[in-house]
Amino acid sequence: MRPPKTFQKRRVLDPSWTLNGEYVVPLLPIGHYDVSAEAPGFKTSLETGIELNVNGRRAVNFILQIHGRSDEIKVEAGLSGRFR
């Protein structure tokens, strides 16, 4: 995550988790943030302009899409020698 005007990055490798499966990143300064989520094998997802206020909480939900994989099925047919 990074506040856009300062261009400082903060990488959250081990956020706190709630019982509902939500992640929590406490003690961030107020401002506008760009927040991204990434995982091996998935495209990076980015949400921009997330505004944080004093004592505020914001939910940012990500849907990660599979990266670099395509499913292709190739079917070939031909006549065998006895049907010619």
Foldseek 3Di string as FASTA:
>chain_A
DAAVVVPDDDDDPDFDADPVGAGDDPDDDFGWDKDWDDDPQWDIDIDGGHGDDVVDDDDDDDDTHGPDDDDDDDDDDDDDPVVD
